[in-house]
């Protein structure tokens, strides 16, 4: 399964009143919520509308697609190695909403064609 994190929009750092330094983390979970694999984008510094355009490949058998969850989290990297989650969205078995469930369904039925959708992050 190939996943591309393309871009974010309207990210803001309420604490400092300047755009945050953000990165995305993608975590693939099995049917009981255990981590199978994880990867993250590079940091986009000071951008309210960061463009990530990074693609990640997860090894998932076709028959496993109904049993996994892809958790997409965006983090604000703060100074001194601290980080705070900006928001998250989940697709797959434990989708975070109807739009995410539809996106996953469309992806499973697309027979290898790319399915691209915007998702609104849920607050951490």
PDB file of N, CA and C in Angstrom:
ATOM      1  N   UNK A   1       0.855  -1.167   0.000  1.00  0.00           N
ATOM      2  CA  UNK A   1       0.000   0.000   0.000  1.00  0.00           C
ATOM      3  C   UNK A   1       0.901   1.231   0.000  1.00  0.00           C
ATOM      4  N   UNK A   2       0.654   2.116  -0.934  1.00  0.00           N
ATOM      5  CA  UNK A   2       1.424   3.342  -1.059  1.00  0.00           C
ATOM      6  C   UNK A   2       0.593   4.512  -0.530  1.00  0.00           C
ATOM      7  N   UNK A   3       1.174   5.300   0.361  1.00  0.00           N
ATOM      8  CA  UNK A   3       0.462   6.427   0.976  1.00  0.00           C
ATOM      9  C   UNK A   3       1.276   7.688   0.742  1.00  0.00           C
ATOM     10  N   UNK A   4       0.630   8.728   0.212  1.00  0.00           N
ATOM     11  CA  UNK A   4       1.321  10.001   0.011  1.00  0.00           C
ATOM     12  C   UNK A   4       0.671  11.058   0.894  1.00  0.00           C
ATOM     13  N   UNK A   5       1.492  11.678   1.726  1.00  0.00           N
ATOM     14  CA  UNK A   5       1.037  12.816   2.517  1.00  0.00           C
ATOM     15  C   UNK A   5       1.408  14.046   1.703  1.00  0.00           C
ATOM     16  N   UNK A   6       0.410  14.734   1.188  1.00  0.00           N
ATOM     17  CA  UNK A   6       0.667  15.801   0.229  1.00  0.00           C
ATOM     18  C   UNK A   6       0.865  17.155   0.903  1.00  0.00           C
ATOM     19  N   UNK A   7      -0.160  17.641   1.592  1.00  0.00           N
ATOM     20  CA  UNK A   7      -0.018  18.961   2.202  1.00  0.00           C
ATOM     21  C   UNK A   7      -1.006  19.175   3.333  1.00  0.00           C
ATOM     22  N   UNK A   8      -0.748  20.205   4.095  1.00  0.00           N
ATOM     23  CA  UNK A   8      -1.656  20.623   5.161  1.00  0.00           C
ATOM     24  C   UNK A   8      -2.037  22.070   4.935  1.00  0.00           C
ATOM     25  N   UNK A   9      -3.089  22.505   5.590  1.00  0.00           N
ATOM     26  CA  UNK A   9      -3.457  23.910   5.447  1.00  0.00           C
ATOM     27  C   UNK A   9      -3.970  24.471   6.767  1.00  0.00           C
ATOM     28  N   UNK A  10      -3.722  25.741   6.947  1.00  0.00           N
ATOM     29  CA  UNK A  10      -4.189  26.505   8.111  1.00  0.00           C
ATOM     30  C   UNK A  10      -3.624  26.000   9.434  1.00  0.00           C
ATOM     31  N   UNK A  11      -2.355  25.558   9.439  1.00  0.00           N
ATOM     32  CA  UNK A  11      -1.718  25.183  10.699  1.00  0.00           C
ATOM     33  C   UNK A  11      -1.248  26.461  11.369  1.00  0.00           C
ATOM     34  N   UNK A  12      -1.425  26.554  12.670  1.00  0.00           N
ATOM     35  CA  UNK A  12      -0.938  27.730  13.368  1.00  0.00           C
ATOM     36  C   UNK A  12      -0.457  27.348  14.763  1.00  0.00           C
ATOM     37  N   UNK A  13       0.460  28.137  15.240  1.00  0.00           N
ATOM     38  CA  UNK A  13       1.022  27.935  16.566  1.00  0.00           C
ATOM     39  C   UNK A  13       0.440  29.021  17.461  1.00  0.00           C
ATOM     40  N   UNK A  14      -0.542  28.659  18.268  1.00  0.00           N
ATOM     41  CA  UNK A  14      -1.236  29.652  19.082  1.00  0.00           C
ATOM     42  C   UNK A  14      -0.314  30.261  20.135  1.00  0.00           C
ATOM     43  N   UNK A  15       0.680  29.501  20.572  1.00  0.00           N
ATOM     44  CA  UNK A  15       1.548  29.975  21.649  1.00  0.00           C
ATOM     45  C   UNK A  15       2.458  31.117  21.206  1.00  0.00           C
ATOM     46  N   UNK A  16       3.010  31.038  20.016  1.00  0.00           N
ATOM     47  CA  UNK A  16       4.009  32.028  19.593  1.00  0.00           C
ATOM     48  C   UNK A  16       3.515  32.961  18.495  1.00  0.00           C
ATOM     49  N   UNK A  17       2.320  32.735  17.991  1.00  0.00           N
ATOM     50  CA  UNK A  17       1.755  33.585  16.936  1.00  0.00           C
ATOM     51  C   UNK A  17       2.601  33.585  15.665  1.00  0.00           C
ATOM     52  N   UNK A  18       3.309  32.478  15.424  1.00  0.00           N
ATOM     53  CA  UNK A  18       4.029  32.310  14.153  1.00  0.00           C
ATOM     54  C   UNK A  18       3.753  30.894  13.659  1.00  0.00           C
ATOM     55  N   UNK A  19       3.909  30.664  12.343  1.00  0.00           N
ATOM     56  CA  UNK A  19       3.613  29.323  11.812  1.00  0.00           C
ATOM     57  C   UNK A  19       4.480  28.250  12.477  1.00  0.00           C
ATOM     58  N   UNK A  20       3.911  27.075  12.719  1.00  0.00           N
ATOM     59  CA  UNK A  20       4.646  26.017  13.419  1.00  0.00           C
ATOM     60  C   UNK A  20       5.604  25.251  12.503  1.00  0.00           C
ATOM     61  N   UNK A  21       6.530  24.540  13.141  1.00  0.00           N
ATOM     62  CA  UNK A  21       7.397  23.590  12.443  1.00  0.00           C
ATOM     63  C   UNK A  21       6.704  22.237  12.573  1.00  0.00           C
ATOM     64  N   UNK A  22       6.221  21.688  11.472  1.00  0.00           N
ATOM     65  CA  UNK A  22       5.410  20.476  11.558  1.00  0.00           C
ATOM     66  C   UNK A  22       6.007  19.312  10.781  1.00  0.00           C
ATOM     67  N   UNK A  23       5.589  18.120  11.173  1.00  0.00           N
ATOM     68  CA  UNK A  23       5.901  16.906  10.410  1.00  0.00           C
ATOM     69  C   UNK A  23       4.741  15.940  10.573  1.00  0.00           C
ATOM     70  N   UNK A  24       4.631  15.006   9.630  1.00  0.00           N
ATOM     71  CA  UNK A  24       3.577  14.002   9.681  1.00  0.00           C
ATOM     72  C   UNK A  24       4.140  12.659  10.094  1.00  0.00           C
ATOM     73  N   UNK A  25       3.360  11.919  10.861  1.00  0.00           N
ATOM     74  CA  UNK A  25       3.757  10.560  11.229  1.00  0.00           C
ATOM     75  C   UNK A  25       2.636   9.622  10.805  1.00  0.00           C
ATOM     76  N   UNK A  26       2.986   8.579  10.077  1.00  0.00           N
ATOM     77  CA  UNK A  26       2.024   7.579   9.625  1.00  0.00           C
ATOM     78  C   UNK A  26       2.304   6.287  10.360  1.00  0.00           C
ATOM     79  N   UNK A  27       1.272   5.745  10.999  1.00  0.00           N
ATOM     80  CA  UNK A  27       1.419   4.520  11.766  1.00  0.00           C
ATOM     81  C   UNK A  27       0.388   3.511  11.280  1.00  0.00           C
ATOM     82  N   UNK A  28       0.847   2.325  10.926  1.00  0.00           N
ATOM     83  CA  UNK A  28      -0.046   1.248  10.507  1.00  0.00           C
ATOM     84  C   UNK A  28      -0.282   0.341  11.709  1.00  0.00           C
ATOM     85  N   UNK A  29      -1.565   0.154  12.041  1.00  0.00           N
ATOM     86  CA  UNK A  29      -1.942  -0.653  13.200  1.00  0.00           C
ATOM     87  C   UNK A  29      -2.670  -1.912  12.767  1.00  0.00           C
ATOM     88  N   UNK A  30      -2.488  -3.004  13.507  1.00  0.00           N
ATOM     89  CA  UNK A  30      -3.219  -4.238  13.193  1.00  0.00           C
ATOM     90  C   UNK A  30      -4.616  -4.186  13.814  1.00  0.00           C
ATOM     91  N   UNK A  31      -5.364  -5.278  13.703  1.00  0.00           N
ATOM     92  CA  UNK A  31      -6.772  -5.284  14.119  1.00  0.00           C
ATOM     93  C   UNK A  31      -6.973  -5.062  15.609  1.00  0.00           C
ATOM     94  N   UNK A  32      -5.940  -5.290  16.424  1.00  0.00           N
ATOM     95  CA  UNK A  32      -6.081  -5.059  17.870  1.00  0.00           C
ATOM     96  C   UNK A  32      -5.334  -3.797  18.317  1.00  0.00           C
ATOM     97  N   UNK A  33      -4.924  -2.968  17.360  1.00  0.00           N
ATOM     98  CA  UNK A  33      -4.326  -1.684  17.684  1.00  0.00           C
ATOM     99  C   UNK A  33      -2.831  -1.694  17.940  1.00  0.00           C
ATOM    100  N   UNK A  34      -2.172  -2.811  17.644  1.00  0.00           N
ATOM    101  CA  UNK A  34      -0.721  -2.866  17.806  1.00  0.00           C
ATOM    102  C   UNK A  34      -0.040  -2.299  16.561  1.00  0.00           C
ATOM    103  N   UNK A  35       1.081  -1.617  16.782  1.00  0.00           N
ATOM    104  CA  UNK A  35       1.810  -1.005  15.677  1.00  0.00           C
ATOM    105  C   UNK A  35       2.498  -2.061  14.825  1.00  0.00           C
ATOM    106  N   UNK A  36       2.236  -1.993  13.516  1.00  0.00           N
ATOM    107  CA  UNK A  36       2.906  -2.880  12.557  1.00  0.00           C
ATOM    108  C   UNK A  36       4.130  -2.158  12.009  1.00  0.00           C
ATOM    109  N   UNK A  37       3.931  -0.902  11.632  1.00  0.00           N
ATOM    110  CA  UNK A  37       5.034  -0.135  11.068  1.00  0.00           C
ATOM    111  C   UNK A  37       4.735   1.351  11.179  1.00  0.00           C
ATOM    112  N   UNK A  38       5.813   2.160  11.108  1.00  0.00           N
ATOM    113  CA  UNK A  38       5.648   3.607  11.288  1.00  0.00           C
ATOM    114  C   UNK A  38       6.714   4.338  10.475  1.00  0.00           C
ATOM    115  N   UNK A  39       6.367   5.533  10.004  1.00  0.00           N
ATOM    116  CA  UNK A  39       7.330   6.367   9.299  1.00  0.00           C
ATOM    117  C   UNK A  39       6.914   7.825   9.481  1.00  0.00           C
ATOM    118  N   UNK A  40       7.840   8.737   9.178  1.00  0.00           N
ATOM    119  CA  UNK A  40       7.478  10.144   9.312  1.00  0.00           C
ATOM    120  C   UNK A  40       8.128  10.987   8.228  1.00  0.00           C
ATOM    121  N   UNK A  41       7.492  12.127   7.974  1.00  0.00           N
ATOM    122  CA  UNK A  41       7.991  13.058   6.960  1.00  0.00           C
ATOM    123  C   UNK A  41       9.124  13.874   7.562  1.00  0.00           C
ATOM    124  N   UNK A  42       9.795  14.618   6.729  1.00  0.00           N
ATOM    125  CA  UNK A  42      10.764  15.571   7.251  1.00  0.00           C
ATOM    126  C   UNK A  42       9.995  16.790   7.772  1.00  0.00           C
ATOM    127  N   UNK A  43      10.663  17.604   8.569  1.00  0.00           N
ATOM    128  CA  UNK A  43      10.026  18.762   9.204  1.00  0.00           C
ATOM    129  C   UNK A  43       9.900  19.902   8.196  1.00  0.00           C
ATOM    130  N   UNK A  44       8.739  20.537   8.196  1.00  0.00           N
ATOM    131  CA  UNK A  44       8.516  21.744   7.385  1.00  0.00           C
ATOM    132  C   UNK A  44       8.509  22.910   8.363  1.00  0.00           C
ATOM    133  N   UNK A  45       9.489  23.779   8.217  1.00  0.00           N
ATOM    134  CA  UNK A  45       9.684  24.850   9.191  1.00  0.00           C
ATOM    135  C   UNK A  45       8.868  26.102   8.874  1.00  0.00           C
ATOM    136  N   UNK A  46       8.150  26.589   9.879  1.00  0.00           N
ATOM    137  CA  UNK A  46       7.468  27.873   9.805  1.00  0.00           C
ATOM    138  C   UNK A  46       6.500  28.024   8.652  1.00  0.00           C
ATOM    139  N   UNK A  47       5.742  26.971   8.354  1.00  0.00           N
ATOM    140  CA  UNK A  47       4.800  27.034   7.234  1.00  0.00           C
ATOM    141  C   UNK A  47       3.372  26.769   7.713  1.00  0.00           C
ATOM    142  N   UNK A  48       2.471  27.740   7.514  1.00  0.00           N
ATOM    143  CA  UNK A  48       1.077  27.505   7.891  1.00  0.00           C
ATOM    144  C   UNK A  48       0.379  26.523   6.943  1.00  0.00           C
ATOM    145  N   UNK A  49       0.882  26.417   5.699  1.00  0.00           N
ATOM    146  CA  UNK A  49       0.330  25.502   4.700  1.00  0.00           C
ATOM    147  C   UNK A  49       1.450  24.628   4.137  1.00  0.00           C
ATOM    148  N   UNK A  50       1.989  23.735   4.965  1.00  0.00           N
ATOM    149  CA  UNK A  50       3.155  22.959   4.536  1.00  0.00           C
ATOM    150  C   UNK A  50       2.857  21.980   3.402  1.00  0.00           C
ATOM    151  N   UNK A  51       3.793  21.880   2.478  1.00  0.00           N
ATOM    152  CA  UNK A  51       3.711  20.896   1.399  1.00  0.00           C
ATOM    153  C   UNK A  51       4.723  19.800   1.722  1.00  0.00           C
ATOM    154  N   UNK A  52       4.227  18.589   1.975  1.00  0.00           N
ATOM    155  CA  UNK A  52       5.089  17.470   2.333  1.00  0.00           C
ATOM    156  C   UNK A  52       5.471  16.669   1.084  1.00  0.00           C
ATOM    157  N   UNK A  53       4.502  16.297   0.293  1.00  0.00           N
ATOM    158  CA  UNK A  53       4.712  15.530  -0.943  1.00  0.00           C
ATOM    159  C   UNK A  53       5.696  14.376  -0.736  1.00  0.00           C
ATOM    160  N   UNK A  54       5.440  13.563   0.273  1.00  0.00           N
ATOM    161  CA  UNK A  54       6.281  12.404   0.561  1.00  0.00           C
ATOM    162  C   UNK A  54       5.426  11.152   0.502  1.00  0.00           C
ATOM    163  N   UNK A  55       5.988  10.112  -0.114  1.00  0.00           N
ATOM    164  CA  UNK A  55       5.266   8.857  -0.302  1.00  0.00           C
ATOM    165  C   UNK A  55       5.907   7.762   0.541  1.00  0.00           C
ATOM    166  N   UNK A  56       5.066   6.951   1.165  1.00  0.00           N
ATOM    167  CA  UNK A  56       5.533   5.857   2.009  1.00  0.00           C
ATOM    168  C   UNK A  56       4.847   4.575   1.564  1.00  0.00           C
ATOM    169  N   UNK A  57       5.582   3.478   1.624  1.00  0.00           N
ATOM    170  CA  UNK A  57       5.032   2.191   1.209  1.00  0.00           C
ATOM    171  C   UNK A  57       4.948   1.265   2.420  1.00  0.00           C
ATOM    172  N   UNK A  58       3.764   0.723   2.620  1.00  0.00           N
ATOM    173  CA  UNK A  58       3.534  -0.241   3.693  1.00  0.00           C
ATOM    174  C   UNK A  58       3.259  -1.597   3.066  1.00  0.00           C
ATOM    175  N   UNK A  59       3.867  -2.640   3.609  1.00  0.00           N
ATOM    176  CA  UNK A  59       3.643  -3.994   3.104  1.00  0.00           C
ATOM    177  C   UNK A  59       2.360  -4.546   3.732  1.00  0.00           C
ATOM    178  N   UNK A  60       1.290  -4.563   2.948  1.00  0.00           N
ATOM    179  CA  UNK A  60       0.000  -5.073   3.421  1.00  0.00           C
ATOM    180  C   UNK A  60      -0.575  -5.985   2.348  1.00  0.00           C
ATOM    181  N   UNK A  61      -0.908  -7.202   2.719  1.00  0.00           N
ATOM    182  CA  UNK A  61      -1.540  -8.118   1.768  1.00  0.00           C
ATOM    183  C   UNK A  61      -2.968  -7.642   1.500  1.00  0.00           C
ATOM    184  N   UNK A  62      -3.446  -7.923   0.301  1.00  0.00           N
ATOM    185  CA  UNK A  62      -4.782  -7.494  -0.097  1.00  0.00           C
ATOM    186  C   UNK A  62      -5.852  -7.950   0.897  1.00  0.00           C
ATOM    187  N   UNK A  63      -5.732  -9.185   1.376  1.00  0.00           N
ATOM    188  CA  UNK A  63      -6.740  -9.709   2.298  1.00  0.00           C
ATOM    189  C   UNK A  63      -6.654  -9.050   3.687  1.00  0.00           C
ATOM    190  N   UNK A  64      -5.546  -8.352   3.984  1.00  0.00           N
ATOM    191  CA  UNK A  64      -5.385  -7.695   5.282  1.00  0.00           C
ATOM    192  C   UNK A  64      -5.947  -6.279   5.304  1.00  0.00           C
ATOM    193  N   UNK A  65      -6.269  -5.721   4.142  1.00  0.00           N
ATOM    194  CA  UNK A  65      -6.698  -4.323   4.077  1.00  0.00           C
ATOM    195  C   UNK A  65      -7.919  -4.018   4.946  1.00  0.00           C
ATOM    196  N   UNK A  66      -8.783  -5.003   5.156  1.00  0.00           N
ATOM    197  CA  UNK A  66      -9.975  -4.769   5.976  1.00  0.00           C
ATOM    198  C   UNK A  66      -9.655  -4.794   7.466  1.00  0.00           C
ATOM    199  N   UNK A  67      -8.468  -5.276   7.826  1.00  0.00           N
ATOM    200  CA  UNK A  67      -8.132  -5.476   9.238  1.00  0.00           C
ATOM    201  C   UNK A  67      -7.109  -4.489   9.787  1.00  0.00           C
ATOM    202  N   UNK A  68      -6.653  -3.539   8.975  1.00  0.00           N
ATOM    203  CA  UNK A  68      -5.637  -2.602   9.452  1.00  0.00           C
ATOM    204  C   UNK A  68      -6.191  -1.181   9.521  1.00  0.00           C
ATOM    205  N   UNK A  69      -5.502  -0.340  10.301  1.00  0.00           N
ATOM    206  CA  UNK A  69      -5.857   1.071  10.439  1.00  0.00           C
ATOM    207  C   UNK A  69      -4.609   1.900  10.159  1.00  0.00           C
ATOM    208  N   UNK A  70      -4.763   2.931   9.344  1.00  0.00           N
ATOM    209  CA  UNK A  70      -3.672   3.866   9.084  1.00  0.00           C
ATOM    210  C   UNK A  70      -3.950   5.127   9.893  1.00  0.00           C
ATOM    211  N   UNK A  71      -3.071   5.405  10.844  1.00  0.00           N
ATOM    212  CA  UNK A  71      -3.202   6.592  11.681  1.00  0.00           C
ATOM    213  C   UNK A  71      -2.252   7.659  11.143  1.00  0.00           C
ATOM    214  N   UNK A  72      -2.804   8.809  10.768  1.00  0.00           N
ATOM    215  CA  UNK A  72      -2.007   9.922  10.263  1.00  0.00           C
ATOM    216  C   UNK A  72      -2.046  11.018  11.319  1.00  0.00           C
ATOM    217  N   UNK A  73      -0.894  11.361  11.860  1.00  0.00           N
ATOM    218  CA  UNK A  73      -0.806  12.381  12.907  1.00  0.00           C
ATOM    219  C   UNK A  73       0.117  13.491  12.440  1.00  0.00           C
ATOM    220  N   UNK A  74      -0.245  14.725  12.746  1.00  0.00           N
ATOM    221  CA  UNK A  74       0.611  15.864  12.449  1.00  0.00           C
ATOM    222  C   UNK A  74       1.102  16.421  13.780  1.00  0.00           C
ATOM    223  N   UNK A  75       2.410  16.629  13.864  1.00  0.00           N
ATOM    224  CA  UNK A  75       3.023  17.133  15.086  1.00  0.00           C
ATOM    225  C   UNK A  75       3.678  18.485  14.852  1.00  0.00           C
ATOM    226  N   UNK A  76       3.628  19.330  15.873  1.00  0.00           N
ATOM    227  CA  UNK A  76       4.349  20.588  15.909  1.00  0.00           C
ATOM    228  C   UNK A  76       5.636  20.300  16.673  1.00  0.00           C
ATOM    229  N   UNK A  77       6.770  20.425  15.985  1.00  0.00           N
ATOM    230  CA  UNK A  77       8.037  20.173  16.669  1.00  0.00           C
ATOM    231  C   UNK A  77       8.459  21.452  17.376  1.00  0.00           C
ATOM    232  N   UNK A  78       8.518  21.384  18.666  1.00  0.00           N
ATOM    233  CA  UNK A  78       8.882  22.562  19.451  1.00  0.00           C
ATOM    234  C   UNK A  78      10.341  22.452  19.870  1.00  0.00           C
ATOM    235  N   UNK A  79      10.834  23.486  20.489  1.00  0.00           N
ATOM    236  CA  UNK A  79      12.238  23.472  20.898  1.00  0.00           C
ATOM    237  C   UNK A  79      12.472  22.441  21.996  1.00  0.00           C
ATOM    238  N   UNK A  80      13.724  22.133  22.225  1.00  0.00           N
ATOM    239  CA  UNK A  80      14.125  21.216  23.295  1.00  0.00           C
ATOM    240  C   UNK A  80      13.524  19.820  23.139  1.00  0.00           C
ATOM    241  N   UNK A  81      13.405  19.362  21.916  1.00  0.00           N
ATOM    242  CA  UNK A  81      12.946  17.997  21.609  1.00  0.00           C
ATOM    243  C   UNK A  81      11.502  17.705  22.028  1.00  0.00           C
ATOM    244  N   UNK A  82      10.762  18.699  22.482  1.00  0.00           N
ATOM    245  CA  UNK A  82       9.359  18.466  22.827  1.00  0.00           C
ATOM    246  C   UNK A  82       8.535  18.519  21.549  1.00  0.00           C
ATOM    247  N   UNK A  83       7.432  17.826  21.564  1.00  0.00           N
ATOM    248  CA  UNK A  83       6.532  17.873  20.414  1.00  0.00           C
ATOM    249  C   UNK A  83       5.104  17.873  20.925  1.00  0.00           C
ATOM    250  N   UNK A  84       4.228  18.431  20.134  1.00  0.00           N
ATOM    251  CA  UNK A  84       2.817  18.376  20.490  1.00  0.00           C
ATOM    252  C   UNK A  84       2.019  18.042  19.247  1.00  0.00           C
ATOM    253  N   UNK A  85       1.003  17.220  19.421  1.00  0.00           N
ATOM    254  CA  UNK A  85       0.198  16.807  18.277  1.00  0.00           C
ATOM    255  C   UNK A  85      -0.722  17.952  17.858  1.00  0.00           C
ATOM    256  N   UNK A  86      -0.707  18.267  16.570  1.00  0.00           N
ATOM    257  CA  UNK A  86      -1.605  19.273  16.007  1.00  0.00           C
ATOM    258  C   UNK A  86      -2.982  18.639  15.812  1.00  0.00           C
ATOM    259  N   UNK A  87      -2.986  17.415  15.274  1.00  0.00           N
ATOM    260  CA  UNK A  87      -4.239  16.704  15.033  1.00  0.00           C
ATOM    261  C   UNK A  87      -3.973  15.366  14.389  1.00  0.00           C
ATOM    262  N   UNK A  88      -5.028  14.605  14.185  1.00  0.00           N
ATOM    263  CA  UNK A  88      -4.875  13.259  13.641  1.00  0.00           C
ATOM    264  C   UNK A  88      -6.132  12.859  12.875  1.00  0.00           C
ATOM    265  N   UNK A  89      -5.979  11.802  12.091  1.00  0.00           N
ATOM    266  CA  UNK A  89      -7.087  11.207  11.357  1.00  0.00           C
ATOM    267  C   UNK A  89      -6.736   9.730  11.159  1.00  0.00           C
ATOM    268  N   UNK A  90      -7.745   8.869  11.173  1.00  0.00           N
ATOM    269  CA  UNK A  90      -7.510   7.433  11.005  1.00  0.00           C
ATOM    270  C   UNK A  90      -8.364   6.901   9.866  1.00  0.00           C
ATOM    271  N   UNK A  91      -7.747   6.044   9.044  1.00  0.00           N
ATOM    272  CA  UNK A  91      -8.444   5.407   7.929  1.00  0.00           C
ATOM    273  C   UNK A  91      -8.308   3.899   8.064  1.00  0.00           C
ATOM    274  N   UNK A  92      -9.317   3.166   7.626  1.00  0.00           N
ATOM    275  CA  UNK A  92      -9.243   1.706   7.673  1.00  0.00           C
ATOM    276  C   UNK A  92     -10.242   1.124   8.641  1.00  0.00           C
ATOM    277  N   UNK A  93      -9.837   0.033   9.295  1.00  0.00           N
ATOM    278  CA  UNK A  93     -10.747  -0.688  10.179  1.00  0.00           C
ATOM    279  C   UNK A  93     -11.363   0.231  11.241  1.00  0.00           C
ATOM    280  N   UNK A  94     -10.539   1.044  11.879  1.00  0.00           N
ATOM    281  CA  UNK A  94     -11.027   1.957  12.918  1.00  0.00           C
ATOM    282  C   UNK A  94     -10.972   3.396  12.435  1.00  0.00           C
ATOM    283  N   UNK A  95     -11.653   3.665  11.336  1.00  0.00           N
ATOM    284  CA  UNK A  95     -11.655   5.015  10.762  1.00  0.00           C
ATOM    285  C   UNK A  95     -12.232   6.012  11.755  1.00  0.00           C
ATOM    286  N   UNK A  96     -11.709   7.239  11.679  1.00  0.00           N
ATOM    287  CA  UNK A  96     -12.139   8.272  12.621  1.00  0.00           C
ATOM    288  C   UNK A  96     -13.433   8.957  12.196  1.00  0.00           C
ATOM    289  N   UNK A  97     -13.949   8.634  11.014  1.00  0.00           N
ATOM    290  CA  UNK A  97     -15.190   9.251  10.571  1.00  0.00           C
ATOM    291  C   UNK A  97     -15.692   8.641   9.278  1.00  0.00           C
ATOM    292  N   UNK A  98     -16.838   9.126   8.835  1.00  0.00           N
ATOM    293  CA  UNK A  98     -17.469   8.588   7.631  1.00  0.00           C
ATOM    294  C   UNK A  98     -16.641   8.868   6.375  1.00  0.00           C
ATOM    295  N   UNK A  99     -16.090  10.100   6.267  1.00  0.00           N
ATOM    296  CA  UNK A  99     -15.270  10.454   5.100  1.00  0.00           C
ATOM    297  C   UNK A  99     -14.040   9.546   4.994  1.00  0.00           C
ATOM    298  N   UNK A 100     -13.433   9.269   6.141  1.00  0.00           N
ATOM    299  CA  UNK A 100     -12.245   8.428   6.157  1.00  0.00           C
ATOM    300  C   UNK A 100     -12.597   6.991   5.776  1.00  0.00           C
ATOM    301  N   UNK A 101     -13.750   6.518   6.251  1.00  0.00           N
ATOM    302  CA  UNK A 101     -14.210   5.168   5.906  1.00  0.00           C
ATOM    303  C   UNK A 101     -14.480   5.068   4.402  1.00  0.00           C
ATOM    304  N   UNK A 102     -15.100   6.107   3.819  1.00  0.00           N
ATOM    305  CA  UNK A 102     -15.366   6.128   2.374  1.00  0.00           C
ATOM    306  C   UNK A 102     -14.067   6.158   1.572  1.00  0.00           C
ATOM    307  N   UNK A 103     -13.097   6.928   2.024  1.00  0.00           N
ATOM    308  CA  UNK A 103     -11.807   7.003   1.340  1.00  0.00           C
ATOM    309  C   UNK A 103     -11.150   5.622   1.313  1.00  0.00           C
ATOM    310  N   UNK A 104     -11.170   4.934   2.447  1.00  0.00           N
ATOM    311  CA  UNK A 104     -10.566   3.602   2.546  1.00  0.00           C
ATOM    312  C   UNK A 104     -11.288   2.625   1.619  1.00  0.00           C
ATOM    313  N   UNK A 105     -12.617   2.694   1.596  1.00  0.00           N
ATOM    314  CA  UNK A 105     -13.416   1.817   0.742  1.00  0.00           C
ATOM    315  C   UNK A 105     -13.095   2.073  -0.732  1.00  0.00           C
ATOM    316  N   UNK A 106     -13.036   3.353  -1.107  1.00  0.00           N
ATOM    317  CA  UNK A 106     -12.698   3.712  -2.495  1.00  0.00           C
ATOM    318  C   UNK A 106     -11.307   3.210  -2.861  1.00  0.00           C
ATOM    319  N   UNK A 107     -10.358   3.313  -1.921  1.00  0.00           N
ATOM    320  CA  UNK A 107      -8.996   2.847  -2.172  1.00  0.00           C
ATOM    321  C   UNK A 107      -8.987   1.333  -2.397  1.00  0.00           C
ATOM    322  N   UNK A 108      -9.736   0.605  -1.581  1.00  0.00           N
ATOM    323  CA  UNK A 108      -9.756  -0.853  -1.732  1.00  0.00           C
ATOM    324  C   UNK A 108     -10.372  -1.272  -3.063  1.00  0.00           C
ATOM    325  N   UNK A 109     -11.319  -0.485  -3.563  1.00  0.00           N
ATOM    326  CA  UNK A 109     -12.014  -0.836  -4.816  1.00  0.00           C
ATOM    327  C   UNK A 109     -11.346  -0.240  -6.055  1.00  0.00           C
ATOM    328  N   UNK A 110     -10.288   0.551  -5.880  1.00  0.00           N
ATOM    329  CA  UNK A 110      -9.717   1.306  -7.007  1.00  0.00           C
ATOM    330  C   UNK A 110      -8.779   0.492  -7.887  1.00  0.00           C
ATOM    331  N   UNK A 111      -8.446  -0.726  -7.472  1.00  0.00           N
ATOM    332  CA  UNK A 111      -7.583  -1.607  -8.250  1.00  0.00           C
ATOM    333  C   UNK A 111      -6.262  -0.946  -8.631  1.00  0.00           C
ATOM    334  N   UNK A 112      -5.583  -0.371  -7.639  1.00  0.00           N
ATOM    335  CA  UNK A 112      -4.255   0.198  -7.878  1.00  0.00           C
ATOM    336  C   UNK A 112      -4.232   1.652  -8.305  1.00  0.00           C
ATOM    337  N   UNK A 113      -5.395   2.248  -8.579  1.00  0.00           N
ATOM    338  CA  UNK A 113      -5.419   3.659  -8.949  1.00  0.00           C
ATOM    339  C   UNK A 113      -5.337   4.513  -7.673  1.00  0.00           C
ATOM    340  N   UNK A 114      -4.677   5.665  -7.805  1.00  0.00           N
ATOM    341  CA  UNK A 114      -4.542   6.551  -6.651  1.00  0.00           C
ATOM    342  C   UNK A 114      -5.882   7.188  -6.304  1.00  0.00           C
ATOM    343  N   UNK A 115      -6.187   7.245  -5.008  1.00  0.00           N
ATOM    344  CA  UNK A 115      -7.412   7.892  -4.526  1.00  0.00           C
ATOM    345  C   UNK A 115      -6.973   9.006  -3.585  1.00  0.00           C
ATOM    346  N   UNK A 116      -7.260  10.241  -3.954  1.00  0.00           N
ATOM    347  CA  UNK A 116      -6.784  11.409  -3.217  1.00  0.00           C
ATOM    348  C   UNK A 116      -7.954  12.135  -2.554  1.00  0.00           C
ATOM    349  N   UNK A 117      -7.839  12.424  -1.258  1.00  0.00           N
ATOM    350  CA  UNK A 117      -8.903  13.135  -0.520  1.00  0.00           C
ATOM    351  C   UNK A 117      -8.294  14.068   0.525  1.00  0.00           C
ATOM    352  N   UNK A 118      -9.006  15.171   0.791  1.00  0.00           N
ATOM    353  CA  UNK A 118      -8.672  16.036   1.912  1.00  0.00           C
ATOM    354  C   UNK A 118      -9.340  15.460   3.149  1.00  0.00           C
ATOM    355  N   UNK A 119      -8.671  15.577   4.299  1.00  0.00           N
ATOM    356  CA  UNK A 119      -9.284  15.165   5.565  1.00  0.00           C
ATOM    357  C   UNK A 119      -9.072  16.261   6.587  1.00  0.00           C
ATOM    358  N   UNK A 120     -10.086  16.481   7.417  1.00  0.00           N
ATOM    359  CA  UNK A 120      -9.979  17.463   8.497  1.00  0.00           C
ATOM    360  C   UNK A 120      -9.414  16.735   9.712  1.00  0.00           C
ATOM    361  N   UNK A 121      -8.341  17.292  10.261  1.00  0.00           N
ATOM    362  CA  UNK A 121      -7.711  16.670  11.429  1.00  0.00           C
ATOM    363  C   UNK A 121      -8.600  16.801  12.657  1.00  0.00           C
ATOM    364  N   UNK A 122      -8.613  15.768  13.467  1.00  0.00           N
ATOM    365  CA  UNK A 122      -9.285  15.817  14.751  1.00  0.00           C
ATOM    366  C   UNK A 122      -8.297  16.342  15.772  1.00  0.00           C
ATOM    367  N   UNK A 123      -8.798  17.070  16.746  1.00  0.00           N
ATOM    368  CA  UNK A 123      -7.900  17.648  17.746  1.00  0.00           C
ATOM    369  C   UNK A 123      -7.337  16.567  18.645  1.00  0.00           C
ATOM    370  N   UNK A 124      -6.087  16.789  19.029  1.00  0.00           N
ATOM    371  CA  UNK A 124      -5.383  15.817  19.880  1.00  0.00           C
ATOM    372  C   UNK A 124      -5.978  15.779  21.282  1.00  0.00           C
TER     373      UNK A 124
END
